């Protein structure tokens, strides 16, 4: 299941690269590496940032989470070759699309797990 989620994340990054101008992934290998590093960063750094920004997140009714997600994307893109994001606005749009794709795939994976 973990391998499937990793592959879906890599494919999601390739989809976003196709849809969002300024979001570039050099190929499948770069997408796999970026998905792996992004997953590790989201598991370690993101919870700390969400806890530190909890008051802002409450005031914005959770919308600040997209900013945190964009920062995580931008951070990972800063040190992986073949994965580049042109601007912070691009990172925000990419975070929104990745959230939508993740929501759909998680719904499908959970429904497939139960049936």
PDB file of N, CA and C in Angstrom:
ATOM      1  N   UNK A   1       0.827  -1.193   0.000  1.00  0.00           N
ATOM      2  CA  UNK A   1       0.000   0.000   0.000  1.00  0.00           C
ATOM      3  C   UNK A   1       0.875   1.262   0.000  1.00  0.00           C
ATOM      4  N   UNK A   2       1.981   1.215   0.744  1.00  0.00           N
ATOM      5  CA  UNK A   2       2.886   2.360   0.802  1.00  0.00           C
ATOM      6  C   UNK A   2       3.515   2.619  -0.568  1.00  0.00           C
ATOM      7  N   UNK A   3       3.894   1.558  -1.259  1.00  0.00           N
ATOM      8  CA  UNK A   3       4.476   1.693  -2.592  1.00  0.00           C
ATOM      9  C   UNK A   3       3.461   2.285  -3.573  1.00  0.00           C
ATOM     10  N   UNK A   4       2.218   1.864  -3.459  1.00  0.00           N
ATOM     11  CA  UNK A   4       1.154   2.395  -4.320  1.00  0.00           C
ATOM     12  C   UNK A   4       0.952   3.887  -4.076  1.00  0.00           C
ATOM     13  N   UNK A   5       0.949   4.289  -2.815  1.00  0.00           N
ATOM     14  CA  UNK A   5       0.784   5.721  -2.494  1.00  0.00           C
ATOM     15  C   UNK A   5       1.966   6.548  -3.024  1.00  0.00           C
ATOM     16  N   UNK A   6       3.166   5.969  -2.965  1.00  0.00           N
ATOM     17  CA  UNK A   6       4.355   6.655  -3.471  1.00  0.00           C
ATOM     18  C   UNK A   6       4.233   6.849  -4.985  1.00  0.00           C
ATOM     19  N   UNK A   7       3.809   5.813  -5.687  1.00  0.00           N
ATOM     20  CA  UNK A   7       3.644   5.910  -7.139  1.00  0.00           C
ATOM     21  C   UNK A   7       2.546   6.901  -7.509  1.00  0.00           C
ATOM     22  N   UNK A   8       1.461   6.898  -6.756  1.00  0.00           N
ATOM     23  CA  UNK A   8       0.370   7.851  -7.015  1.00  0.00           C
ATOM     24  C   UNK A   8       0.853   9.281  -6.773  1.00  0.00           C
ATOM     25  N   UNK A   9       1.667   9.485  -5.755  1.00  0.00           N
ATOM     26  CA  UNK A   9       2.216  10.823  -5.491  1.00  0.00           C
ATOM     27  C   UNK A   9       3.119  11.279  -6.633  1.00  0.00           C
ATOM     28  N   UNK A  10       3.930  10.375  -7.139  1.00  0.00           N
ATOM     29  CA  UNK A  10       4.810  10.719  -8.261  1.00  0.00           C
ATOM     30  C   UNK A  10       3.991  11.048  -9.501  1.00  0.00           C
ATOM     31  N   UNK A  11       2.960  10.259  -9.772  1.00  0.00           N
ATOM     32  CA  UNK A  11       2.092  10.547 -10.917  1.00  0.00           C
ATOM     33  C   UNK A  11       1.342  11.864 -10.733  1.00  0.00           C
ATOM     34  N   UNK A  12       0.979  12.170  -9.492  1.00  0.00           N
ATOM     35  CA  UNK A  12       0.313  13.443  -9.198  1.00  0.00           C
ATOM     36  C   UNK A  12       1.238  14.617  -9.503  1.00  0.00           C
ATOM     37  N   UNK A  13       2.507  14.481  -9.158  1.00  0.00           N
ATOM     38  CA  UNK A  13       3.472  15.544  -9.458  1.00  0.00           C
ATOM     39  C   UNK A  13       3.610  15.733 -10.967  1.00  0.00           C
ATOM     40  N   UNK A  14       3.615  14.623 -11.720  1.00  0.00           N
ATOM     41  CA  UNK A  14       3.687  14.729 -13.178  1.00  0.00           C
ATOM     42  C   UNK A  14       2.429  15.389 -13.746  1.00  0.00           C
ATOM     43  N   UNK A  15       1.273  15.084 -13.177  1.00  0.00           N
ATOM     44  CA  UNK A  15       0.022  15.715 -13.612  1.00  0.00           C
ATOM     45  C   UNK A  15       0.048  17.215 -13.352  1.00  0.00           C
ATOM     46  N   UNK A  16       0.513  17.606 -12.176  1.00  0.00           N
ATOM     47  CA  UNK A  16       0.587  19.035 -11.848  1.00  0.00           C
ATOM     48  C   UNK A  16       1.577  19.736 -12.772  1.00  0.00           C
ATOM     49  N   UNK A  17       2.678  19.066 -13.102  1.00  0.00           N
ATOM     50  CA  UNK A  17       3.644  19.660 -14.028  1.00  0.00           C
ATOM     51  C   UNK A  17       3.019  19.890 -15.395  1.00  0.00           C
ATOM     52  N   UNK A  18       2.091  19.031 -15.780  1.00  0.00           N
ATOM     53  CA  UNK A  18       1.394  19.190 -17.050  1.00  0.00           C
ATOM     54  C   UNK A  18       0.376  20.334 -16.989  1.00  0.00           C
ATOM     55  N   UNK A  19      -0.272  20.514 -15.839  1.00  0.00           N
ATOM     56  CA  UNK A  19      -1.365  21.481 -15.719  1.00  0.00           C
ATOM     57  C   UNK A  19      -0.926  22.893 -15.332  1.00  0.00           C
ATOM     58  N   UNK A  20       0.122  23.013 -14.513  1.00  0.00           N
ATOM     59  CA  UNK A  20       0.488  24.317 -13.945  1.00  0.00           C
ATOM     60  C   UNK A  20       1.765  24.842 -14.607  1.00  0.00           C
ATOM     61  N   UNK A  21       1.677  25.981 -15.286  1.00  0.00           N
ATOM     62  CA  UNK A  21       2.886  26.571 -15.857  1.00  0.00           C
ATOM     63  C   UNK A  21       3.835  27.027 -14.737  1.00  0.00           C
ATOM     64  N   UNK A  22       5.115  26.757 -14.927  1.00  0.00           N
ATOM     65  CA  UNK A  22       6.104  27.130 -13.926  1.00  0.00           C
ATOM     66  C   UNK A  22       6.401  26.026 -12.929  1.00  0.00           C
ATOM     67  N   UNK A  23       5.680  24.938 -13.000  1.00  0.00           N
ATOM     68  CA  UNK A  23       5.912  23.763 -12.153  1.00  0.00           C
ATOM     69  C   UNK A  23       6.513  22.702 -13.072  1.00  0.00           C
ATOM     70  N   UNK A  24       7.780  22.386 -12.858  1.00  0.00           N
ATOM     71  CA  UNK A  24       8.484  21.515 -13.792  1.00  0.00           C
ATOM     72  C   UNK A  24       9.036  20.280 -13.099  1.00  0.00           C
ATOM     73  N   UNK A  25       8.776  19.135 -13.715  1.00  0.00           N
ATOM     74  CA  UNK A  25       9.349  17.864 -13.288  1.00  0.00           C
ATOM     75  C   UNK A  25      10.013  17.274 -14.520  1.00  0.00           C
ATOM     76  N   UNK A  26      11.308  16.947 -14.408  1.00  0.00           N
ATOM     77  CA  UNK A  26      12.087  16.537 -15.566  1.00  0.00           C
ATOM     78  C   UNK A  26      11.655  15.185 -16.126  1.00  0.00           C
ATOM     79  N   UNK A  27      11.144  14.312 -15.304  1.00  0.00           N
ATOM     80  CA  UNK A  27      10.745  12.996 -15.787  1.00  0.00           C
ATOM     81  C   UNK A  27      10.226  12.137 -14.655  1.00  0.00           C
ATOM     82  N   UNK A  28      10.034  10.871 -14.957  1.00  0.00           N
ATOM     83  CA  UNK A  28       9.478   9.951 -13.972  1.00  0.00           C
ATOM     84  C   UNK A  28      10.436   9.758 -12.798  1.00  0.00           C
ATOM     85  N   UNK A  29      11.726   9.636 -13.093  1.00  0.00           N
ATOM     86  CA  UNK A  29      12.708   9.448 -12.023  1.00  0.00           C
ATOM     87  C   UNK A  29      12.708  10.641 -11.064  1.00  0.00           C
ATOM     88  N   UNK A  30      12.705  11.848 -11.613  1.00  0.00           N
ATOM     89  CA  UNK A  30      12.666  13.054 -10.771  1.00  0.00           C
ATOM     90  C   UNK A  30      11.378  13.104  -9.969  1.00  0.00           C
ATOM     91  N   UNK A  31      10.268  12.671 -10.572  1.00  0.00           N
ATOM     92  CA  UNK A  31       8.985  12.664  -9.859  1.00  0.00           C
ATOM     93  C   UNK A  31       9.011  11.657  -8.711  1.00  0.00           C
ATOM     94  N   UNK A  32       9.608  10.487  -8.929  1.00  0.00           N
ATOM     95  CA  UNK A  32       9.705   9.485  -7.861  1.00  0.00           C
ATOM     96  C   UNK A  32      10.555   9.981  -6.698  1.00  0.00           C
ATOM     97  N   UNK A  33      11.688  10.598  -7.011  1.00  0.00           N
ATOM     98  CA  UNK A  33      12.565  11.137  -5.958  1.00  0.00           C
ATOM     99  C   UNK A  33      11.866  12.278  -5.227  1.00  0.00           C
ATOM    100  N   UNK A  34      11.231  13.184  -5.981  1.00  0.00           N
ATOM    101  CA  UNK A  34      10.532  14.311  -5.359  1.00  0.00           C
ATOM    102  C   UNK A  34       9.390  13.828  -4.478  1.00  0.00           C
ATOM    103  N   UNK A  35       8.649  12.816  -4.924  1.00  0.00           N
ATOM    104  CA  UNK A  35       7.543  12.280  -4.120  1.00  0.00           C
ATOM    105  C   UNK A  35       8.064  11.650  -2.836  1.00  0.00           C
ATOM    106  N   UNK A  36       9.190  10.954  -2.918  1.00  0.00           N
ATOM    107  CA  UNK A  36       9.782  10.341  -1.730  1.00  0.00           C
ATOM    108  C   UNK A  36      10.231  11.402  -0.725  1.00  0.00           C
ATOM    109  N   UNK A  37      10.971  12.390  -1.190  1.00  0.00           N
ATOM    110  CA  UNK A  37      11.459  13.445  -0.302  1.00  0.00           C
ATOM    111  C   UNK A  37      10.301  14.280   0.237  1.00  0.00           C
ATOM    112  N   UNK A  38       9.326  14.571  -0.609  1.00  0.00           N
ATOM    113  CA  UNK A  38       8.158  15.340  -0.172  1.00  0.00           C
ATOM    114  C   UNK A  38       7.389  14.581   0.906  1.00  0.00           C
ATOM    115  N   UNK A  39       7.264  13.285   0.749  1.00  0.00           N
ATOM    116  CA  UNK A  39       6.596  12.472   1.768  1.00  0.00           C
ATOM    117  C   UNK A  39       7.342  12.508   3.097  1.00  0.00           C
ATOM    118  N   UNK A  40       8.668  12.436   3.046  1.00  0.00           N
ATOM    119  CA  UNK A  40       9.463  12.506   4.280  1.00  0.00           C
ATOM    120  C   UNK A  40       9.354  13.873   4.940  1.00  0.00           C
ATOM    121  N   UNK A  41       9.426  14.929   4.126  1.00  0.00           N
ATOM    122  CA  UNK A  41       9.308  16.294   4.662  1.00  0.00           C
ATOM    123  C   UNK A  41       7.921  16.511   5.262  1.00  0.00           C
ATOM    124  N   UNK A  42       6.888  16.011   4.582  1.00  0.00           N
ATOM    125  CA  UNK A  42       5.525  16.153   5.104  1.00  0.00           C
ATOM    126  C   UNK A  42       5.308  15.349   6.375  1.00  0.00           C
ATOM    127  N   UNK A  43       6.054  14.278   6.543  1.00  0.00           N
ATOM    128  CA  UNK A  43       5.913  13.467   7.755  1.00  0.00           C
ATOM    129  C   UNK A  43       6.670  14.056   8.934  1.00  0.00           C
ATOM    130  N   UNK A  44       7.752  14.785   8.674  1.00  0.00           N
ATOM    131  CA  UNK A  44       8.606  15.269   9.762  1.00  0.00           C
ATOM    132  C   UNK A  44       8.407  16.761  10.045  1.00  0.00           C
ATOM    133  N   UNK A  45       8.514  17.588   9.027  1.00  0.00           N
ATOM    134  CA  UNK A  45       8.527  19.047   9.214  1.00  0.00           C
ATOM    135  C   UNK A  45       7.119  19.640   9.248  1.00  0.00           C
ATOM    136  N   UNK A  46       6.234  19.155   8.366  1.00  0.00           N
ATOM    137  CA  UNK A  46       4.895  19.732   8.249  1.00  0.00           C
ATOM    138  C   UNK A  46       4.097  19.725   9.557  1.00  0.00           C
ATOM    139  N   UNK A  47       4.102  18.629  10.348  1.00  0.00           N
ATOM    140  CA  UNK A  47       3.343  18.680  11.607  1.00  0.00           C
ATOM    141  C   UNK A  47       3.841  19.753  12.568  1.00  0.00           C
ATOM    142  N   UNK A  48       5.132  19.974  12.583  1.00  0.00           N
ATOM    143  CA  UNK A  48       5.693  21.013  13.457  1.00  0.00           C
ATOM    144  C   UNK A  48       5.228  22.385  12.989  1.00  0.00           C
ATOM    145  N   UNK A  49       5.282  22.626  11.683  1.00  0.00           N
ATOM    146  CA  UNK A  49       4.830  23.915  11.148  1.00  0.00           C
ATOM    147  C   UNK A  49       3.334  24.129  11.384  1.00  0.00           C
ATOM    148  N   UNK A  50       2.550  23.068  11.228  1.00  0.00           N
ATOM    149  CA  UNK A  50       1.109  23.206  11.476  1.00  0.00           C
ATOM    150  C   UNK A  50       0.826  23.527  12.937  1.00  0.00           C
ATOM    151  N   UNK A  51       1.590  22.943  13.836  1.00  0.00           N
ATOM    152  CA  UNK A  51       1.415  23.234  15.256  1.00  0.00           C
ATOM    153  C   UNK A  51       1.825  24.673  15.578  1.00  0.00           C
ATOM    154  N   UNK A  52       2.935  25.120  14.995  1.00  0.00           N
ATOM    155  CA  UNK A  52       3.406  26.484  15.256  1.00  0.00           C
ATOM    156  C   UNK A  52       2.472  27.545  14.668  1.00  0.00           C
ATOM    157  N   UNK A  53       1.801  27.209  13.574  1.00  0.00           N
ATOM    158  CA  UNK A  53       0.917  28.181  12.922  1.00  0.00           C
ATOM    159  C   UNK A  53      -0.555  27.911  13.221  1.00  0.00           C
ATOM    160  N   UNK A  54      -0.820  27.168  14.271  1.00  0.00           N
ATOM    161  CA  UNK A  54      -2.201  26.816  14.608  1.00  0.00           C
ATOM    162  C   UNK A  54      -3.114  28.041  14.788  1.00  0.00           C
ATOM    163  N   UNK A  55      -2.676  29.106  15.476  1.00  0.00           N
ATOM    164  CA  UNK A  55      -3.577  30.270  15.597  1.00  0.00           C
ATOM    165  C   UNK A  55      -3.946  30.883  14.244  1.00  0.00           C
ATOM    166  N   UNK A  56      -2.983  30.993  13.341  1.00  0.00           N
ATOM    167  CA  UNK A  56      -3.268  31.539  12.008  1.00  0.00           C
ATOM    168  C   UNK A  56      -4.200  30.597  11.252  1.00  0.00           C
ATOM    169  N   UNK A  57      -3.955  29.307  11.403  1.00  0.00           N
ATOM    170  CA  UNK A  57      -4.781  28.317  10.724  1.00  0.00           C
ATOM    171  C   UNK A  57      -6.227  28.370  11.217  1.00  0.00           C
ATOM    172  N   UNK A  58      -6.410  28.585  12.500  1.00  0.00           N
ATOM    173  CA  UNK A  58      -7.759  28.700  13.051  1.00  0.00           C
ATOM    174  C   UNK A  58      -8.439  29.966  12.533  1.00  0.00           C
ATOM    175  N   UNK A  59      -7.701  31.078  12.496  1.00  0.00           N
ATOM    176  CA  UNK A  59      -8.269  32.338  11.998  1.00  0.00           C
ATOM    177  C   UNK A  59      -8.663  32.264  10.534  1.00  0.00           C
ATOM    178  N   UNK A  60      -7.923  31.496   9.747  1.00  0.00           N
ATOM    179  CA  UNK A  60      -8.219  31.395   8.317  1.00  0.00           C
ATOM    180  C   UNK A  60      -9.085  30.179   7.999  1.00  0.00           C
ATOM    181  N   UNK A  61      -9.605  29.531   9.031  1.00  0.00           N
ATOM    182  CA  UNK A  61     -10.464  28.358   8.879  1.00  0.00           C
ATOM    183  C   UNK A  61      -9.792  27.234   8.095  1.00  0.00           C
ATOM    184  N   UNK A  62      -8.494  27.088   8.305  1.00  0.00           N
ATOM    185  CA  UNK A  62      -7.737  25.992   7.702  1.00  0.00           C
ATOM    186  C   UNK A  62      -7.117  26.299   6.360  1.00  0.00           C
ATOM    187  N   UNK A  63      -7.420  27.451   5.786  1.00  0.00           N
ATOM    188  CA  UNK A  63      -6.875  27.773   4.467  1.00  0.00           C
ATOM    189  C   UNK A  63      -5.368  28.016   4.495  1.00  0.00           C
ATOM    190  N   UNK A  64      -4.822  28.359   5.662  1.00  0.00           N
ATOM    191  CA  UNK A  64      -3.380  28.568   5.763  1.00  0.00           C
ATOM    192  C   UNK A  64      -2.617  27.262   5.533  1.00  0.00           C
ATOM    193  N   UNK A  65      -3.293  26.141   5.639  1.00  0.00           N
ATOM    194  CA  UNK A  65      -2.658  24.851   5.380  1.00  0.00           C
ATOM    195  C   UNK A  65      -2.151  24.781   3.939  1.00  0.00           C
ATOM    196  N   UNK A  66      -2.859  25.411   3.008  1.00  0.00           N
ATOM    197  CA  UNK A  66      -2.386  25.440   1.626  1.00  0.00           C
ATOM    198  C   UNK A  66      -1.060  26.188   1.517  1.00  0.00           C
ATOM    199  N   UNK A  67      -0.889  27.226   2.324  1.00  0.00           N
ATOM    200  CA  UNK A  67       0.377  27.966   2.330  1.00  0.00           C
ATOM    201  C   UNK A  67       1.493  27.076   2.868  1.00  0.00           C
ATOM    202  N   UNK A  68       1.219  26.337   3.926  1.00  0.00           N
ATOM    203  CA  UNK A  68       2.209  25.403   4.482  1.00  0.00           C
ATOM    204  C   UNK A  68       2.569  24.347   3.436  1.00  0.00           C
ATOM    205  N   UNK A  69       1.565  23.804   2.759  1.00  0.00           N
ATOM    206  CA  UNK A  69       1.823  22.807   1.722  1.00  0.00           C
ATOM    207  C   UNK A  69       2.658  23.383   0.578  1.00  0.00           C
ATOM    208  N   UNK A  70       2.366  24.633   0.202  1.00  0.00           N
ATOM    209  CA  UNK A  70       3.145  25.293  -0.850  1.00  0.00           C
ATOM    210  C   UNK A  70       4.585  25.494  -0.405  1.00  0.00           C
ATOM    211  N   UNK A  71       4.781  25.865   0.852  1.00  0.00           N
ATOM    212  CA  UNK A  71       6.140  26.023   1.378  1.00  0.00           C
ATOM    213  C   UNK A  71       6.904  24.701   1.366  1.00  0.00           C
ATOM    214  N   UNK A  72       6.213  23.614   1.669  1.00  0.00           N
ATOM    215  CA  UNK A  72       6.858  22.292   1.639  1.00  0.00           C
ATOM    216  C   UNK A  72       7.271  21.931   0.210  1.00  0.00           C
ATOM    217  N   UNK A  73       6.398  22.202  -0.745  1.00  0.00           N
ATOM    218  CA  UNK A  73       6.736  21.955  -2.149  1.00  0.00           C
ATOM    219  C   UNK A  73       7.932  22.782  -2.591  1.00  0.00           C
ATOM    220  N   UNK A  74       7.891  24.063  -2.254  1.00  0.00           N
ATOM    221  CA  UNK A  74       8.962  24.976  -2.645  1.00  0.00           C
ATOM    222  C   UNK A  74      10.282  24.568  -1.989  1.00  0.00           C
ATOM    223  N   UNK A  75      10.229  24.150  -0.745  1.00  0.00           N
ATOM    224  CA  UNK A  75      11.418  23.698  -0.025  1.00  0.00           C
ATOM    225  C   UNK A  75      12.027  22.473  -0.705  1.00  0.00           C
ATOM    226  N   UNK A  76      11.213  21.497  -1.036  1.00  0.00           N
ATOM    227  CA  UNK A  76      11.719  20.278  -1.675  1.00  0.00           C
ATOM    228  C   UNK A  76      12.268  20.602  -3.062  1.00  0.00           C
ATOM    229  N   UNK A  77      11.607  21.472  -3.797  1.00  0.00           N
ATOM    230  CA  UNK A  77      12.074  21.835  -5.138  1.00  0.00           C
ATOM    231  C   UNK A  77      13.403  22.576  -5.101  1.00  0.00           C
ATOM    232  N   UNK A  78      13.729  23.170  -3.961  1.00  0.00           N
ATOM    233  CA  UNK A  78      14.970  23.943  -3.885  1.00  0.00           C
ATOM    234  C   UNK A  78      16.223  23.071  -3.894  1.00  0.00           C
ATOM    235  N   UNK A  79      16.109  21.787  -3.589  1.00  0.00           N
ATOM    236  CA  UNK A  79      17.329  20.969  -3.572  1.00  0.00           C
ATOM    237  C   UNK A  79      17.232  19.655  -4.353  1.00  0.00           C
ATOM    238  N   UNK A  80      16.219  19.486  -5.179  1.00  0.00           N
ATOM    239  CA  UNK A  80      16.129  18.297  -6.017  1.00  0.00           C
ATOM    240  C   UNK A  80      16.303  18.706  -7.477  1.00  0.00           C
ATOM    241  N   UNK A  81      17.282  18.098  -8.147  1.00  0.00           N
ATOM    242  CA  UNK A  81      17.498  18.369  -9.566  1.00  0.00           C
ATOM    243  C   UNK A  81      16.348  17.778 -10.372  1.00  0.00           C
ATOM    244  N   UNK A  82      15.885  18.525 -11.334  1.00  0.00           N
ATOM    245  CA  UNK A  82      14.802  18.055 -12.182  1.00  0.00           C
ATOM    246  C   UNK A  82      13.418  18.363 -11.638  1.00  0.00           C
ATOM    247  N   UNK A  83      13.352  19.073 -10.515  1.00  0.00           N
ATOM    248  CA  UNK A  83      12.077  19.460  -9.918  1.00  0.00           C
ATOM    249  C   UNK A  83      12.187  20.933  -9.563  1.00  0.00           C
ATOM    250  N   UNK A  84      11.435  21.777 -10.283  1.00  0.00           N
ATOM    251  CA  UNK A  84      11.565  23.222 -10.101  1.00  0.00           C
ATOM    252  C   UNK A  84      10.197  23.894 -10.057  1.00  0.00           C
ATOM    253  N   UNK A  85      10.103  24.922  -9.236  1.00  0.00           N
ATOM    254  CA  UNK A  85       8.883  25.716  -9.127  1.00  0.00           C
ATOM    255  C   UNK A  85       9.293  27.177  -9.330  1.00  0.00           C
ATOM    256  N   UNK A  86       8.644  27.843 -10.285  1.00  0.00           N
ATOM    257  CA  UNK A  86       9.049  29.183 -10.687  1.00  0.00           C
ATOM    258  C   UNK A  86       8.777  30.247  -9.631  1.00  0.00           C
ATOM    259  N   UNK A  87       7.625  30.158  -8.930  1.00  0.00           N
ATOM    260  CA  UNK A  87       7.276  31.208  -7.976  1.00  0.00           C
ATOM    261  C   UNK A  87       6.436  30.616  -6.853  1.00  0.00           C
ATOM    262  N   UNK A  88       6.223  31.431  -5.831  1.00  0.00           N
ATOM    263  CA  UNK A  88       5.414  30.964  -4.713  1.00  0.00           C
ATOM    264  C   UNK A  88       3.950  30.802  -5.117  1.00  0.00           C
ATOM    265  N   UNK A  89       3.476  31.660  -5.991  1.00  0.00           N
ATOM    266  CA  UNK A  89       2.105  31.528  -6.493  1.00  0.00           C
ATOM    267  C   UNK A  89       1.905  30.207  -7.235  1.00  0.00           C
ATOM    268  N   UNK A  90       2.898  29.822  -7.999  1.00  0.00           N
ATOM    269  CA  UNK A  90       2.863  28.522  -8.672  1.00  0.00           C
ATOM    270  C   UNK A  90       2.806  27.400  -7.654  1.00  0.00           C
ATOM    271  N   UNK A  91       3.572  27.536  -6.576  1.00  0.00           N
ATOM    272  CA  UNK A  91       3.580  26.518  -5.523  1.00  0.00           C
ATOM    273  C   UNK A  91       2.213  26.423  -4.844  1.00  0.00           C
ATOM    274  N   UNK A  92       1.545  27.545  -4.662  1.00  0.00           N
ATOM    275  CA  UNK A  92       0.213  27.522  -4.045  1.00  0.00           C
ATOM    276  C   UNK A  92      -0.788  26.813  -4.951  1.00  0.00           C
ATOM    277  N   UNK A  93      -0.779  27.141  -6.248  1.00  0.00           N
ATOM    278  CA  UNK A  93      -1.685  26.454  -7.182  1.00  0.00           C
ATOM    279  C   UNK A  93      -1.391  24.960  -7.235  1.00  0.00           C
ATOM    280  N   UNK A  94      -0.109  24.630  -7.239  1.00  0.00           N
ATOM    281  CA  UNK A  94       0.283  23.215  -7.259  1.00  0.00           C
ATOM    282  C   UNK A  94      -0.188  22.512  -5.990  1.00  0.00           C
ATOM    283  N   UNK A  95      -0.082  23.183  -4.841  1.00  0.00           N
ATOM    284  CA  UNK A  95      -0.530  22.587  -3.575  1.00  0.00           C
ATOM    285  C   UNK A  95      -2.033  22.339  -3.600  1.00  0.00           C
ATOM    286  N   UNK A  96      -2.791  23.248  -4.178  1.00  0.00           N
ATOM    287  CA  UNK A  96      -4.242  23.077  -4.260  1.00  0.00           C
ATOM    288  C   UNK A  96      -4.591  21.895  -5.159  1.00  0.00           C
ATOM    289  N   UNK A  97      -3.945  21.800  -6.316  1.00  0.00           N
ATOM    290  CA  UNK A  97      -4.219  20.692  -7.231  1.00  0.00           C
ATOM    291  C   UNK A  97      -3.765  19.368  -6.626  1.00  0.00           C
ATOM    292  N   UNK A  98      -2.603  19.360  -5.969  1.00  0.00           N
ATOM    293  CA  UNK A  98      -2.138  18.133  -5.313  1.00  0.00           C
ATOM    294  C   UNK A  98      -3.090  17.711  -4.201  1.00  0.00           C
ATOM    295  N   UNK A  99      -3.663  18.681  -3.488  1.00  0.00           N
ATOM    296  CA  UNK A  99      -4.642  18.349  -2.463  1.00  0.00           C
ATOM    297  C   UNK A  99      -5.868  17.686  -3.086  1.00  0.00           C
ATOM    298  N   UNK A 100      -6.363  18.255  -4.191  1.00  0.00           N
ATOM    299  CA  UNK A 100      -7.523  17.677  -4.867  1.00  0.00           C
ATOM    300  C   UNK A 100      -7.242  16.259  -5.361  1.00  0.00           C
ATOM    301  N   UNK A 101      -6.101  16.077  -6.002  1.00  0.00           N
ATOM    302  CA  UNK A 101      -5.736  14.751  -6.507  1.00  0.00           C
ATOM    303  C   UNK A 101      -5.562  13.779  -5.348  1.00  0.00           C
ATOM    304  N   UNK A 102      -4.926  14.222  -4.270  1.00  0.00           N
ATOM    305  CA  UNK A 102      -4.742  13.374  -3.095  1.00  0.00           C
ATOM    306  C   UNK A 102      -6.061  12.995  -2.456  1.00  0.00           C
ATOM    307  N   UNK A 103      -6.978  13.933  -2.411  1.00  0.00           N
ATOM    308  CA  UNK A 103      -8.298  13.662  -1.834  1.00  0.00           C
ATOM    309  C   UNK A 103      -9.025  12.589  -2.637  1.00  0.00           C
ATOM    310  N   UNK A 104      -8.997  12.730  -3.960  1.00  0.00           N
ATOM    311  CA  UNK A 104      -9.669  11.758  -4.827  1.00  0.00           C
ATOM    312  C   UNK A 104      -9.010  10.384  -4.718  1.00  0.00           C
ATOM    313  N   UNK A 105      -7.689  10.336  -4.792  1.00  0.00           N
ATOM    314  CA  UNK A 105      -7.005   9.042  -4.742  1.00  0.00           C
ATOM    315  C   UNK A 105      -7.144   8.375  -3.377  1.00  0.00           C
ATOM    316  N   UNK A 106      -7.101   9.154  -2.312  1.00  0.00           N
ATOM    317  CA  UNK A 106      -7.307   8.573  -0.981  1.00  0.00           C
ATOM    318  C   UNK A 106      -8.708   7.989  -0.842  1.00  0.00           C
ATOM    319  N   UNK A 107      -9.700   8.700  -1.393  1.00  0.00           N
ATOM    320  CA  UNK A 107     -11.068   8.198  -1.364  1.00  0.00           C
ATOM    321  C   UNK A 107     -11.170   6.882  -2.132  1.00  0.00           C
ATOM    322  N   UNK A 108     -10.539   6.820  -3.291  1.00  0.00           N
ATOM    323  CA  UNK A 108     -10.576   5.601  -4.103  1.00  0.00           C
ATOM    324  C   UNK A 108      -9.801   4.457  -3.435  1.00  0.00           C
ATOM    325  N   UNK A 109      -8.648   4.769  -2.846  1.00  0.00           N
ATOM    326  CA  UNK A 109      -7.851   3.726  -2.201  1.00  0.00           C
ATOM    327  C   UNK A 109      -8.542   3.174  -0.968  1.00  0.00           C
ATOM    328  N   UNK A 110      -9.177   4.051  -0.189  1.00  0.00           N
ATOM    329  CA  UNK A 110      -9.892   3.589   1.008  1.00  0.00           C
ATOM    330  C   UNK A 110     -11.113   2.766   0.593  1.00  0.00           C
ATOM    331  N   UNK A 111     -11.825   3.211  -0.442  1.00  0.00           N
ATOM    332  CA  UNK A 111     -12.992   2.457  -0.913  1.00  0.00           C
ATOM    333  C   UNK A 111     -12.556   1.109  -1.484  1.00  0.00           C
ATOM    334  N   UNK A 112     -11.411   1.072  -2.160  1.00  0.00           N
ATOM    335  CA  UNK A 112     -10.898  -0.180  -2.688  1.00  0.00           C
ATOM    336  C   UNK A 112     -10.407  -1.112  -1.603  1.00  0.00           C
ATOM    337  N   UNK A 113      -9.924  -0.552  -0.508  1.00  0.00           N
ATOM    338  CA  UNK A 113      -9.451  -1.340   0.633  1.00  0.00           C
ATOM    339  C   UNK A 113     -10.598  -2.033   1.360  1.00  0.00           C
ATOM    340  N   UNK A 114     -11.740  -1.364   1.442  1.00  0.00           N
ATOM    341  CA  UNK A 114     -12.871  -1.898   2.186  1.00  0.00           C
ATOM    342  C   UNK A 114     -13.669  -2.927   1.387  1.00  0.00           C
ATOM    343  N   UNK A 115     -13.630  -2.808   0.068  1.00  0.00           N
ATOM    344  CA  UNK A 115     -14.459  -3.674  -0.774  1.00  0.00           C
ATOM    345  C   UNK A 115     -13.767  -4.849  -1.269  1.00  0.00           C
TER     346      UNK A 115
END
